[in-house]
């Protein structure tokens, strides 16, 4: 269901983009980077968070880490990661395949500025072995995402 909902979303909003499925798992940044032959930072991971009782998604560079102080300032409260069961229930996607496409329920989507270091990133596409190639600007455009700075600066 999840891969299909992501495909349906993309067919409507960005029919020129192709979802690529691999025979092996891409459920972690490291597995996705190896599978697609890119550096881990180019994997656009989707963080499923809850702030003040409201769920939201943040798409960030694969090597980025959430900065709690920045997130609190940006979202107006302490952010916590959703539990695996909540992730599936709220997004409709399995952990390891969460993406901002074809969500089970409408959610605010944010893109972290860490993505802007790349001309192309690879977010998951609703399953633990799929992704697509997209520019960060287009990712934000088709998902209606706002840009935020909520990750720690790379060391």
N, C-alpha and C. Protein backbone atom coordinates (compact mmCIF):
# COMPACT_ATOMS: atom_id res chain seq x y z
N UNK A 1 0.83 -1.20 0.00
CA UNK A 1 0.00 0.00 0.00
C UNK A 1 0.87 1.26 0.00
N UNK A 2 1.90 1.27 0.79
CA UNK A 2 2.72 2.46 0.97
C UNK A 2 3.45 2.88 -0.30
N UNK A 3 4.11 1.92 -0.95
CA UNK A 3 4.80 2.21 -2.21
C UNK A 3 3.79 2.69 -3.24
N UNK A 4 2.62 2.07 -3.27
CA UNK A 4 1.59 2.47 -4.22
C UNK A 4 1.09 3.89 -3.96
N UNK A 5 0.93 4.26 -2.68
CA UNK A 5 0.47 5.62 -2.38
C UNK A 5 1.53 6.65 -2.75
N UNK A 6 2.80 6.31 -2.55
CA UNK A 6 3.89 7.21 -2.95
C UNK A 6 3.90 7.35 -4.48
N UNK A 7 3.76 6.23 -5.19
CA UNK A 7 3.73 6.27 -6.66
C UNK A 7 2.55 7.11 -7.17
N UNK A 8 1.38 6.95 -6.54
CA UNK A 8 0.19 7.71 -6.95
C UNK A 8 0.42 9.21 -6.74
N UNK A 9 1.01 9.57 -5.60
CA UNK A 9 1.32 10.96 -5.31
C UNK A 9 2.26 11.52 -6.39
N UNK A 10 3.32 10.77 -6.68
CA UNK A 10 4.31 11.23 -7.65
C UNK A 10 3.73 11.28 -9.07
N UNK A 11 2.85 10.36 -9.40
CA UNK A 11 2.21 10.37 -10.72
C UNK A 11 1.41 11.65 -10.92
N UNK A 12 0.82 12.14 -9.84
CA UNK A 12 0.02 13.37 -9.91
C UNK A 12 0.90 14.62 -9.88
N UNK A 13 1.86 14.66 -8.96
CA UNK A 13 2.64 15.88 -8.73
C UNK A 13 3.93 15.99 -9.54
N UNK A 14 4.50 14.85 -9.91
CA UNK A 14 5.79 14.86 -10.61
C UNK A 14 5.92 13.60 -11.48
N UNK A 15 5.09 13.51 -12.54
CA UNK A 15 5.07 12.29 -13.35
C UNK A 15 6.39 11.97 -14.05
N UNK A 16 7.28 12.93 -14.13
CA UNK A 16 8.58 12.69 -14.77
C UNK A 16 9.57 11.97 -13.86
N UNK A 17 9.27 11.87 -12.57
CA UNK A 17 10.18 11.21 -11.63
C UNK A 17 9.89 9.72 -11.54
N UNK A 18 10.94 8.93 -11.55
CA UNK A 18 10.79 7.48 -11.49
C UNK A 18 11.22 6.94 -10.14
N UNK A 19 10.39 6.08 -9.58
CA UNK A 19 10.75 5.37 -8.36
C UNK A 19 11.62 4.19 -8.76
N UNK A 20 12.74 4.03 -8.06
CA UNK A 20 13.65 2.92 -8.32
C UNK A 20 13.54 1.95 -7.15
N UNK A 21 13.26 0.67 -7.47
CA UNK A 21 13.21 -0.37 -6.45
C UNK A 21 14.45 -1.24 -6.59
N UNK A 22 15.07 -1.54 -5.47
CA UNK A 22 16.23 -2.43 -5.46
C UNK A 22 15.84 -3.77 -4.86
N UNK A 23 16.56 -4.84 -5.21
CA UNK A 23 16.24 -6.14 -4.63
C UNK A 23 16.61 -6.24 -3.15
N UNK A 24 17.53 -5.39 -2.69
CA UNK A 24 17.95 -5.43 -1.29
C UNK A 24 17.37 -4.24 -0.52
N UNK A 25 17.45 -4.33 0.80
CA UNK A 25 16.93 -3.30 1.68
C UNK A 25 17.71 -1.99 1.55
N UNK A 26 16.98 -0.90 1.61
CA UNK A 26 17.58 0.44 1.67
C UNK A 26 17.02 1.15 2.91
N UNK A 27 16.71 0.38 3.94
CA UNK A 27 16.01 0.89 5.11
C UNK A 27 16.83 1.78 6.03
N UNK A 28 18.16 1.79 5.85
CA UNK A 28 18.99 2.70 6.63
C UNK A 28 19.75 3.60 5.66
N UNK A 29 20.27 4.69 6.16
CA UNK A 29 21.05 5.60 5.32
C UNK A 29 22.22 4.84 4.68
N UNK A 30 22.91 4.03 5.47
CA UNK A 30 24.07 3.31 4.96
C UNK A 30 23.69 2.31 3.87
N UNK A 31 22.61 1.56 4.09
CA UNK A 31 22.16 0.60 3.08
C UNK A 31 21.70 1.31 1.81
N UNK A 32 20.98 2.41 1.97
CA UNK A 32 20.50 3.16 0.81
C UNK A 32 21.67 3.74 0.02
N UNK A 33 22.64 4.31 0.72
CA UNK A 33 23.80 4.89 0.04
C UNK A 33 24.56 3.82 -0.74
N UNK A 34 24.76 2.67 -0.13
CA UNK A 34 25.46 1.57 -0.82
C UNK A 34 24.65 1.08 -2.01
N UNK A 35 23.35 0.90 -1.81
CA UNK A 35 22.49 0.39 -2.87
C UNK A 35 22.40 1.29 -4.08
N UNK A 36 22.36 2.60 -3.83
CA UNK A 36 22.21 3.56 -4.92
C UNK A 36 23.54 4.17 -5.37
N UNK A 37 24.64 3.77 -4.72
CA UNK A 37 25.96 4.22 -5.14
C UNK A 37 26.22 5.69 -4.93
N UNK A 38 25.75 6.22 -3.80
CA UNK A 38 25.99 7.63 -3.47
C UNK A 38 26.54 7.73 -2.05
N UNK A 39 27.09 8.89 -1.72
CA UNK A 39 27.55 9.08 -0.35
C UNK A 39 26.33 9.20 0.58
N UNK A 40 26.48 8.76 1.84
CA UNK A 40 25.36 8.77 2.77
C UNK A 40 24.67 10.14 2.91
N UNK A 41 25.40 11.20 2.81
CA UNK A 41 24.81 12.54 2.99
C UNK A 41 23.72 12.82 1.94
N UNK A 42 23.80 12.20 0.75
CA UNK A 42 22.81 12.43 -0.31
C UNK A 42 21.48 11.70 -0.08
N UNK A 43 21.46 10.79 0.88
CA UNK A 43 20.20 10.12 1.20
C UNK A 43 19.36 11.12 2.01
N UNK A 44 18.16 11.39 1.53
CA UNK A 44 17.28 12.35 2.21
C UNK A 44 16.39 11.57 3.18
N UNK A 45 16.81 11.54 4.45
CA UNK A 45 16.04 10.77 5.43
C UNK A 45 14.87 11.60 5.95
N UNK A 46 13.78 10.92 6.21
CA UNK A 46 12.58 11.58 6.72
C UNK A 46 12.42 11.23 8.19
N UNK A 47 12.49 12.26 9.03
CA UNK A 47 12.32 12.10 10.47
C UNK A 47 10.85 12.32 10.82
N UNK A 48 10.27 11.39 11.54
CA UNK A 48 8.87 11.48 11.97
C UNK A 48 8.87 11.96 13.41
N UNK A 49 8.37 13.17 13.61
CA UNK A 49 8.43 13.81 14.93
C UNK A 49 7.05 14.19 15.44
N UNK A 50 6.99 14.41 16.74
CA UNK A 50 5.79 14.94 17.37
C UNK A 50 6.21 16.10 18.24
N UNK A 51 5.53 17.22 18.08
CA UNK A 51 5.79 18.43 18.87
C UNK A 51 4.45 18.91 19.42
N UNK A 52 4.37 19.03 20.73
CA UNK A 52 3.14 19.49 21.38
C UNK A 52 1.92 18.68 20.90
N UNK A 53 2.11 17.38 20.76
CA UNK A 53 1.01 16.50 20.37
C UNK A 53 0.69 16.46 18.89
N UNK A 54 1.43 17.20 18.07
CA UNK A 54 1.17 17.23 16.63
C UNK A 54 2.34 16.58 15.87
N UNK A 55 2.00 15.69 14.96
CA UNK A 55 3.02 15.01 14.16
C UNK A 55 3.46 15.89 13.00
N UNK A 56 4.73 15.74 12.62
CA UNK A 56 5.28 16.45 11.47
C UNK A 56 6.45 15.66 10.93
N UNK A 57 6.85 15.97 9.71
CA UNK A 57 7.98 15.30 9.08
C UNK A 57 9.06 16.31 8.76
N UNK A 58 10.31 15.92 8.97
CA UNK A 58 11.47 16.72 8.59
C UNK A 58 12.33 15.86 7.68
N UNK A 59 12.57 16.34 6.46
CA UNK A 59 13.45 15.65 5.53
C UNK A 59 14.82 16.33 5.64
N UNK A 60 15.84 15.53 5.93
CA UNK A 60 17.18 16.08 6.17
C UNK A 60 18.24 15.25 5.46
N UNK A 61 19.39 15.82 5.34
CA UNK A 61 20.57 15.15 4.79
C UNK A 61 20.82 13.87 5.60
N UNK A 62 21.24 12.81 4.93
CA UNK A 62 21.41 11.51 5.57
C UNK A 62 22.35 11.46 6.74
N UNK A 63 23.32 12.36 6.79
CA UNK A 63 24.28 12.35 7.89
C UNK A 63 23.95 13.40 8.95
N UNK A 64 22.88 14.13 8.76
CA UNK A 64 22.50 15.19 9.70
C UNK A 64 21.87 14.59 10.97
N UNK A 65 22.01 15.31 12.06
CA UNK A 65 21.38 14.93 13.32
C UNK A 65 20.51 16.09 13.79
N UNK A 66 19.34 15.77 14.32
CA UNK A 66 18.43 16.80 14.81
C UNK A 66 19.08 17.55 15.97
N UNK A 67 18.99 18.87 15.94
CA UNK A 67 19.47 19.72 17.03
C UNK A 67 18.24 20.10 17.85
N UNK A 68 18.17 19.60 19.07
CA UNK A 68 16.97 19.81 19.89
C UNK A 68 16.65 21.28 20.13
N UNK A 69 17.67 22.10 20.34
CA UNK A 69 17.44 23.53 20.59
C UNK A 69 16.88 24.21 19.34
N UNK A 70 17.46 23.90 18.18
CA UNK A 70 16.96 24.50 16.93
C UNK A 70 15.54 24.03 16.64
N UNK A 71 15.27 22.74 16.87
CA UNK A 71 13.94 22.20 16.61
C UNK A 71 12.91 22.85 17.52
N UNK A 72 13.27 23.03 18.79
CA UNK A 72 12.33 23.66 19.73
C UNK A 72 12.03 25.09 19.30
N UNK A 73 13.06 25.80 18.86
CA UNK A 73 12.86 27.18 18.40
C UNK A 73 12.00 27.23 17.13
N UNK A 74 12.24 26.30 16.22
CA UNK A 74 11.51 26.31 14.94
C UNK A 74 10.07 25.86 15.08
N UNK A 75 9.84 24.85 15.94
CA UNK A 75 8.51 24.24 16.02
C UNK A 75 7.71 24.62 17.26
N UNK A 76 8.31 25.41 18.16
CA UNK A 76 7.58 25.90 19.32
C UNK A 76 7.39 24.90 20.44
N UNK A 77 8.22 23.89 20.49
CA UNK A 77 8.13 22.90 21.57
C UNK A 77 9.16 21.82 21.37
N UNK A 78 9.28 20.97 22.39
CA UNK A 78 10.25 19.88 22.33
C UNK A 78 9.79 18.83 21.32
N UNK A 79 10.70 18.47 20.42
CA UNK A 79 10.40 17.44 19.41
C UNK A 79 10.82 16.08 19.94
N UNK A 80 9.98 15.08 19.71
CA UNK A 80 10.34 13.71 20.03
C UNK A 80 10.05 12.84 18.82
N UNK A 81 10.86 11.80 18.66
CA UNK A 81 10.66 10.86 17.56
C UNK A 81 9.40 10.05 17.83
N UNK A 82 8.65 9.77 16.78
CA UNK A 82 7.48 8.91 16.91
C UNK A 82 7.93 7.46 17.12
N UNK A 83 7.13 6.69 17.83
CA UNK A 83 7.37 5.26 17.98
C UNK A 83 7.07 4.59 16.63
N UNK A 84 7.66 3.43 16.38
CA UNK A 84 7.49 2.74 15.10
C UNK A 84 6.02 2.53 14.73
N UNK A 85 5.20 2.14 15.71
CA UNK A 85 3.77 1.91 15.43
C UNK A 85 3.09 3.22 15.03
N UNK A 86 3.46 4.32 15.70
CA UNK A 86 2.88 5.62 15.36
C UNK A 86 3.28 6.04 13.95
N UNK A 87 4.54 5.76 13.58
CA UNK A 87 5.04 6.14 12.27
C UNK A 87 4.17 5.49 11.19
N UNK A 88 3.95 4.19 11.30
CA UNK A 88 3.16 3.47 10.30
C UNK A 88 1.72 3.98 10.29
N UNK A 89 1.14 4.16 11.47
CA UNK A 89 -0.24 4.61 11.57
C UNK A 89 -0.43 6.01 10.97
N UNK A 90 0.48 6.92 11.27
CA UNK A 90 0.33 8.32 10.86
C UNK A 90 0.76 8.57 9.43
N UNK A 91 1.87 7.95 9.01
CA UNK A 91 2.37 8.21 7.65
C UNK A 91 1.86 7.21 6.63
N UNK A 92 1.55 5.99 7.08
CA UNK A 92 1.18 4.93 6.16
C UNK A 92 2.39 4.23 5.58
N UNK A 93 3.58 4.64 5.98
CA UNK A 93 4.82 4.06 5.46
C UNK A 93 5.55 3.30 6.57
N UNK A 94 6.26 2.23 6.20
CA UNK A 94 7.03 1.50 7.21
C UNK A 94 8.30 2.25 7.59
N UNK A 95 8.78 2.04 8.79
CA UNK A 95 10.06 2.61 9.20
C UNK A 95 11.10 2.09 8.21
N UNK A 96 11.94 2.97 7.71
CA UNK A 96 12.91 2.60 6.69
C UNK A 96 12.42 2.93 5.30
N UNK A 97 11.14 3.28 5.18
CA UNK A 97 10.57 3.66 3.88
C UNK A 97 9.78 4.94 3.98
N UNK A 98 9.86 5.61 5.14
CA UNK A 98 9.08 6.83 5.35
C UNK A 98 9.56 7.92 4.40
N UNK A 99 8.59 8.57 3.79
CA UNK A 99 8.87 9.66 2.86
C UNK A 99 7.72 10.66 2.94
N UNK A 100 7.90 11.84 2.36
CA UNK A 100 6.82 12.84 2.41
C UNK A 100 5.81 12.70 1.28
N UNK A 101 5.81 11.57 0.58
CA UNK A 101 4.91 11.35 -0.56
C UNK A 101 3.83 10.35 -0.20
N UNK A 102 2.59 10.62 -0.60
CA UNK A 102 1.51 9.67 -0.43
C UNK A 102 1.22 9.30 1.01
N UNK A 103 1.14 10.30 1.86
CA UNK A 103 0.94 10.08 3.30
C UNK A 103 -0.49 9.62 3.60
N UNK A 104 -0.64 8.81 4.63
CA UNK A 104 -1.94 8.31 5.05
C UNK A 104 -2.84 9.45 5.55
N UNK A 105 -2.23 10.46 6.16
CA UNK A 105 -2.97 11.63 6.61
C UNK A 105 -2.10 12.86 6.35
N UNK A 106 -2.73 13.99 6.07
CA UNK A 106 -1.94 15.20 5.79
C UNK A 106 -1.08 15.58 7.00
N UNK A 107 0.18 15.87 6.72
CA UNK A 107 1.11 16.27 7.78
C UNK A 107 1.93 17.46 7.30
N UNK A 108 2.33 18.35 8.22
CA UNK A 108 3.27 19.39 7.83
C UNK A 108 4.61 18.73 7.47
N UNK A 109 5.19 19.17 6.36
CA UNK A 109 6.49 18.65 5.92
C UNK A 109 7.47 19.81 5.90
N UNK A 110 8.66 19.55 6.42
CA UNK A 110 9.73 20.54 6.45
C UNK A 110 10.97 19.93 5.80
N UNK A 111 11.72 20.75 5.10
CA UNK A 111 13.01 20.32 4.56
C UNK A 111 14.10 21.08 5.30
N UNK A 112 15.05 20.33 5.84
CA UNK A 112 16.16 20.97 6.54
C UNK A 112 17.14 21.53 5.51
N UNK A 113 17.74 22.67 5.85
CA UNK A 113 18.68 23.33 4.94
C UNK A 113 19.90 22.46 4.62
N UNK A 114 20.13 21.40 5.39
CA UNK A 114 21.25 20.49 5.10
C UNK A 114 21.14 19.87 3.71
N UNK A 115 19.92 19.76 3.19
CA UNK A 115 19.71 19.20 1.85
C UNK A 115 20.23 20.12 0.75
N UNK A 116 20.31 21.40 1.03
CA UNK A 116 20.67 22.38 0.01
C UNK A 116 22.13 22.30 -0.44
N UNK A 117 22.93 21.48 0.21
CA UNK A 117 24.32 21.30 -0.19
C UNK A 117 24.42 20.44 -1.46
N UNK A 118 23.30 19.84 -1.89
CA UNK A 118 23.33 18.90 -3.01
C UNK A 118 22.41 19.32 -4.13
N UNK A 119 22.79 18.96 -5.36
CA UNK A 119 21.93 19.22 -6.50
C UNK A 119 20.86 18.14 -6.62
N UNK A 120 21.15 16.96 -6.06
CA UNK A 120 20.22 15.84 -6.13
C UNK A 120 20.32 15.02 -4.85
N UNK A 121 19.16 14.63 -4.32
CA UNK A 121 19.11 13.79 -3.12
C UNK A 121 18.20 12.60 -3.41
N UNK A 122 18.26 11.60 -2.53
CA UNK A 122 17.46 10.39 -2.73
C UNK A 122 16.61 10.10 -1.49
N UNK A 123 15.35 10.54 -1.49
CA UNK A 123 14.44 10.16 -0.42
C UNK A 123 13.85 8.78 -0.70
N UNK A 124 13.41 8.10 0.33
CA UNK A 124 12.70 6.83 0.18
C UNK A 124 11.40 7.09 -0.58
N UNK A 125 10.78 6.00 -1.02
CA UNK A 125 9.53 6.14 -1.78
C UNK A 125 8.45 5.21 -1.25
N UNK A 126 8.37 5.08 0.07
CA UNK A 126 7.27 4.36 0.66
C UNK A 126 7.50 2.90 0.98
N UNK A 127 8.68 2.37 0.66
CA UNK A 127 9.00 0.99 1.01
C UNK A 127 10.46 0.94 1.45
N UNK A 128 10.86 -0.18 2.01
CA UNK A 128 12.21 -0.31 2.54
C UNK A 128 13.23 -0.71 1.48
N UNK A 129 12.87 -0.59 0.22
CA UNK A 129 13.83 -0.87 -0.86
C UNK A 129 13.60 0.03 -2.07
N UNK A 130 13.06 1.23 -1.84
CA UNK A 130 12.79 2.14 -2.95
C UNK A 130 13.24 3.55 -2.64
N UNK A 131 13.49 4.30 -3.70
CA UNK A 131 13.86 5.71 -3.58
C UNK A 131 13.66 6.37 -4.93
N UNK A 132 13.90 7.67 -4.96
CA UNK A 132 13.90 8.41 -6.22
C UNK A 132 14.94 9.50 -6.13
N UNK A 133 15.34 9.99 -7.29
CA UNK A 133 16.33 11.06 -7.37
C UNK A 133 15.58 12.35 -7.66
N UNK A 134 15.89 13.40 -6.86
CA UNK A 134 15.16 14.66 -6.97
C UNK A 134 16.03 15.79 -6.44
N UNK A 135 15.85 16.98 -6.97
CA UNK A 135 16.57 18.13 -6.41
C UNK A 135 15.88 18.54 -5.11
N UNK A 136 16.64 19.06 -4.16
CA UNK A 136 16.03 19.50 -2.90
C UNK A 136 14.93 20.55 -3.12
N UNK A 137 15.13 21.47 -4.05
CA UNK A 137 14.12 22.51 -4.30
C UNK A 137 12.82 21.89 -4.80
N UNK A 138 12.93 20.91 -5.68
CA UNK A 138 11.73 20.26 -6.22
C UNK A 138 11.05 19.42 -5.14
N UNK A 139 11.85 18.77 -4.30
CA UNK A 139 11.30 18.00 -3.19
C UNK A 139 10.42 18.89 -2.32
N UNK A 140 10.94 20.05 -1.97
CA UNK A 140 10.17 21.00 -1.15
C UNK A 140 8.93 21.48 -1.90
N UNK A 141 9.09 21.74 -3.18
CA UNK A 141 7.97 22.25 -3.99
C UNK A 141 6.81 21.26 -4.06
N UNK A 142 7.09 20.00 -4.41
CA UNK A 142 5.99 19.06 -4.62
C UNK A 142 5.35 18.58 -3.31
N UNK A 143 6.06 18.72 -2.21
CA UNK A 143 5.49 18.32 -0.91
C UNK A 143 4.93 19.50 -0.13
N UNK A 144 5.10 20.71 -0.65
CA UNK A 144 4.65 21.90 0.07
C UNK A 144 5.45 22.15 1.33
N UNK A 145 6.69 21.70 1.33
CA UNK A 145 7.53 21.81 2.54
C UNK A 145 8.07 23.22 2.73
N UNK A 146 8.18 23.59 4.00
CA UNK A 146 8.85 24.84 4.37
C UNK A 146 10.30 24.49 4.70
N UNK A 147 11.22 25.41 4.42
CA UNK A 147 12.63 25.21 4.75
C UNK A 147 12.86 25.61 6.20
N UNK A 148 13.60 24.78 6.93
CA UNK A 148 13.96 25.05 8.31
C UNK A 148 15.43 24.69 8.53
N UNK A 149 15.99 25.21 9.60
CA UNK A 149 17.34 24.87 10.01
C UNK A 149 17.23 24.24 11.39
N UNK A 150 17.08 22.89 11.42
CA UNK A 150 16.86 22.20 12.69
C UNK A 150 17.86 21.08 12.96
N UNK A 151 18.91 21.01 12.15
CA UNK A 151 19.92 19.98 12.36
C UNK A 151 21.22 20.58 12.82
N UNK A 152 22.03 19.75 13.48
CA UNK A 152 23.34 20.19 13.96
C UNK A 152 24.25 20.43 12.76
N UNK A 153 25.13 21.41 12.90
CA UNK A 153 26.09 21.66 11.84
C UNK A 153 27.06 20.49 11.78
N UNK A 154 27.46 20.07 10.55
CA UNK A 154 28.40 18.95 10.44
C UNK A 154 29.71 19.29 11.14
N UNK A 155 30.34 18.27 11.66
CA UNK A 155 31.58 18.51 12.40
C UNK A 155 32.78 18.41 11.50
